[in-house]
Each structure stands twice: as C-alpha cells, then as structure tokens.
Amino acid sequence: MHEAPGLVAVLAYDGLCTFEFGIAVEIFGLPRPEFDFAWYRHCIVAVDNGPMRALGGIQVTADAGLEALNTARTIIVPGWRSRDEPPPPALL
C-alpha cells in the first residue's frame, strides 16, 4: 500500500505566469481515478491580497492563504513576476 503523497501548494500571485501555473494544476489538481493508489491533494495559495491577475488578464482565485504552506509537503512556485522583484519575506 502506498502512503498518500500529501498536499501540494501551488502559489498564485498578481502577474502569475500562466503556463507554469497551468502545468502544476494539470498535474496535481486533476483527479486520477485510473491510479490504484492515493494521489496528491492540492491547493492554490494566495501570495497577494485582493484580485490576482495572471498574464493575459485571467483572474485567479486562491483556495488558501500563506498559512497553508505550513502543512504542504511540496510547494510549487510557478515562475515569478520579475527577477528584479524579490518575493515577500513570508515566502523565504
């Protein structure tokens, strides 16, 4: 019997990179009934307060705030706004 792989937290932020975000959600967020073992649980975690817009104008709504990172086994950072803008201290 396989141990459940745990929670995957996918970060969402204003200016989100849609390609990288979409890959993470596609892999970890879709149900996998074809598997005979437990699949990941996942949640989308808000880095920013308020509406978060992804590239192309898509608006993203998060399932949880940064507190969810405390229970996540895996944290995915799908790109970042800019190399010149450091992430907030709560992520470091």
C-alpha atoms as a PDB file:
ATOM      1  CA  MET A   1       0.000   0.000   0.000  1.00  0.00           C
ATOM      2  CA  HIS A   2       1.296   3.446  -0.934  1.00  0.00           C
ATOM      3  CA  GLU A   3       1.409   6.309   1.538  1.00  0.00           C
ATOM      4  CA  ALA A   4      -0.583   9.344   0.393  1.00  0.00           C
ATOM      5  CA  PRO A   5       1.899  11.817  -1.108  1.00  0.00           C
ATOM      6  CA  GLY A   6       0.466  14.781   0.800  1.00  0.00           C
ATOM      7  CA  LEU A   7      -0.510  18.325  -0.022  1.00  0.00           C
ATOM      8  CA  VAL A   8       0.917  20.242  -2.974  1.00  0.00           C
ATOM      9  CA  ALA A   9       0.613  24.024  -2.607  1.00  0.00           C
ATOM     10  CA  VAL A  10       0.759  25.995  -5.855  1.00  0.00           C
ATOM     11  CA  LEU A  11       1.454  29.697  -5.369  1.00  0.00           C
ATOM     12  CA  ALA A  12      -0.707  32.318  -7.085  1.00  0.00           C
ATOM     13  CA  TYR A  13       0.293  35.974  -7.245  1.00  0.00           C
ATOM     14  CA  ASP A  14      -0.577  39.092  -9.209  1.00  0.00           C
ATOM     15  CA  GLY A  15       1.183  38.818 -12.566  1.00  0.00           C
ATOM     16  CA  LEU A  16       1.090  34.998 -12.413  1.00  0.00           C
ATOM     17  CA  CYS A  17       2.920  33.041 -15.141  1.00  0.00           C
ATOM     18  CA  THR A  18       0.009  31.118 -16.665  1.00  0.00           C
ATOM     19  CA  PHE A  19       1.980  28.406 -18.456  1.00  0.00           C
ATOM     20  CA  GLU A  20       3.906  27.242 -15.392  1.00  0.00           C
ATOM     21  CA  PHE A  21       0.826  27.570 -13.172  1.00  0.00           C
ATOM     22  CA  GLY A  22      -1.299  25.581 -15.615  1.00  0.00           C
ATOM     23  CA  ILE A  23       1.181  22.717 -15.724  1.00  0.00           C
ATOM     24  CA  ALA A  24       1.235  22.426 -11.926  1.00  0.00           C
ATOM     25  CA  VAL A  25      -2.567  22.468 -11.677  1.00  0.00           C
ATOM     26  CA  GLU A  26      -2.929  19.978 -14.538  1.00  0.00           C
ATOM     27  CA  ILE A  27      -0.523  17.504 -12.935  1.00  0.00           C
ATOM     28  CA  PHE A  28      -1.519  17.767  -9.281  1.00  0.00           C
ATOM     29  CA  GLY A  29      -5.053  19.189  -9.346  1.00  0.00           C
ATOM     30  CA  LEU A  30      -6.896  16.746 -11.575  1.00  0.00           C
ATOM     31  CA  PRO A  31      -8.444  13.629 -10.022  1.00  0.00           C
ATOM     32  CA  ARG A  32      -6.631  10.463 -11.041  1.00  0.00           C
ATOM     33  CA  PRO A  33      -9.198   7.654 -10.711  1.00  0.00           C
ATOM     34  CA  GLU A  34      -7.140   5.465 -13.025  1.00  0.00           C
ATOM     35  CA  PHE A  35      -4.475   5.100 -10.330  1.00  0.00           C
ATOM     36  CA  ASP A  36      -4.870   2.378  -7.732  1.00  0.00           C
ATOM     37  CA  PHE A  37      -3.102   4.476  -5.098  1.00  0.00           C
ATOM     38  CA  ALA A  38      -3.715   7.789  -3.356  1.00  0.00           C
ATOM     39  CA  TRP A  39      -2.932  10.875  -5.448  1.00  0.00           C
ATOM     40  CA  TYR A  40      -1.880  14.299  -4.269  1.00  0.00           C
ATOM     41  CA  ARG A  41      -4.164  16.772  -2.594  1.00  0.00           C
ATOM     42  CA  HIS A  42      -3.561  20.278  -3.876  1.00  0.00           C
ATOM     43  CA  CYS A  43      -4.476  23.853  -3.107  1.00  0.00           C
ATOM     44  CA  ILE A  44      -3.839  27.208  -4.714  1.00  0.00           C
ATOM     45  CA  VAL A  45      -2.204  29.574  -2.226  1.00  0.00           C
ATOM     46  CA  ALA A  46      -2.533  33.369  -2.451  1.00  0.00           C
ATOM     47  CA  VAL A  47       0.701  35.327  -2.142  1.00  0.00           C
ATOM     48  CA  ASP A  48      -1.062  38.680  -2.637  1.00  0.00           C
ATOM     49  CA  ASN A  49      -4.227  40.133  -1.128  1.00  0.00           C
ATOM     50  CA  GLY A  50      -7.057  41.052  -3.427  1.00  0.00           C
ATOM     51  CA  PRO A  51      -7.626  40.024  -7.008  1.00  0.00           C
ATOM     52  CA  MET A  52      -4.708  38.299  -8.679  1.00  0.00           C
ATOM     53  CA  ARG A  53      -4.453  38.619 -12.428  1.00  0.00           C
ATOM     54  CA  ALA A  54      -2.420  36.222 -14.488  1.00  0.00           C
ATOM     55  CA  LEU A  55      -0.716  37.108 -17.740  1.00  0.00           C
ATOM     56  CA  GLY A  56      -3.343  37.613 -20.405  1.00  0.00           C
ATOM     57  CA  GLY A  57      -5.867  39.082 -17.955  1.00  0.00           C
ATOM     58  CA  ILE A  58      -7.082  35.845 -16.385  1.00  0.00           C
ATOM     59  CA  GLN A  59      -8.195  36.344 -12.780  1.00  0.00           C
ATOM     60  CA  VAL A  60      -7.124  33.680 -10.283  1.00  0.00           C
ATOM     61  CA  THR A  61      -8.864  32.858  -7.004  1.00  0.00           C
ATOM     62  CA  ALA A  62      -6.925  31.036  -4.301  1.00  0.00           C
ATOM     63  CA  ASP A  63      -8.123  28.251  -2.001  1.00  0.00           C
ATOM     64  CA  ALA A  64      -5.950  29.325   0.930  1.00  0.00           C
ATOM     65  CA  GLY A  65      -3.533  31.889   2.277  1.00  0.00           C
ATOM     66  CA  LEU A  66       0.153  31.515   3.069  1.00  0.00           C
ATOM     67  CA  GLU A  67      -0.654  29.556   6.252  1.00  0.00           C
ATOM     68  CA  ALA A  68      -1.325  26.524   4.016  1.00  0.00           C
ATOM     69  CA  LEU A  69       2.404  26.351   3.273  1.00  0.00           C
ATOM     70  CA  ASN A  70       2.954  25.067   6.824  1.00  0.00           C
ATOM     71  CA  THR A  71       1.181  21.794   6.028  1.00  0.00           C
ATOM     72  CA  ALA A  72       2.265  21.372   2.411  1.00  0.00           C
ATOM     73  CA  ARG A  73       4.676  18.599   1.597  1.00  0.00           C
ATOM     74  CA  THR A  74       5.519  20.219  -1.745  1.00  0.00           C
ATOM     75  CA  ILE A  75       5.423  23.926  -2.656  1.00  0.00           C
ATOM     76  CA  ILE A  76       5.425  24.948  -6.311  1.00  0.00           C
ATOM     77  CA  VAL A  77       6.456  28.466  -7.322  1.00  0.00           C
ATOM     78  CA  PRO A  78       5.249  28.843 -10.919  1.00  0.00           C
ATOM     79  CA  GLY A  79       7.680  31.490 -12.090  1.00  0.00           C
ATOM     80  CA  TRP A  80       7.790  34.965 -10.578  1.00  0.00           C
ATOM     81  CA  ARG A  81       6.848  38.498 -11.583  1.00  0.00           C
ATOM     82  CA  SER A  82      10.371  39.707 -12.253  1.00  0.00           C
ATOM     83  CA  ARG A  83      13.973  38.868 -11.465  1.00  0.00           C
ATOM     84  CA  ASP A  84      14.221  42.406 -10.091  1.00  0.00           C
ATOM     85  CA  GLU A  85      11.371  41.948  -7.598  1.00  0.00           C
ATOM     86  CA  PRO A  86      12.184  39.682  -4.658  1.00  0.00           C
ATOM     87  CA  PRO A  87       9.434  37.501  -3.214  1.00  0.00           C
ATOM     88  CA  PRO A  88       7.841  38.680   0.037  1.00  0.00           C
ATOM     89  CA  PRO A  89       9.657  37.696   3.263  1.00  0.00           C
ATOM     90  CA  ALA A  90       6.845  35.281   4.198  1.00  0.00           C
ATOM     91  CA  LEU A  91       7.942  33.030   1.316  1.00  0.00           C
ATOM     92  CA  LEU A  92      11.611  32.955   2.218  1.00  0.00           C
END
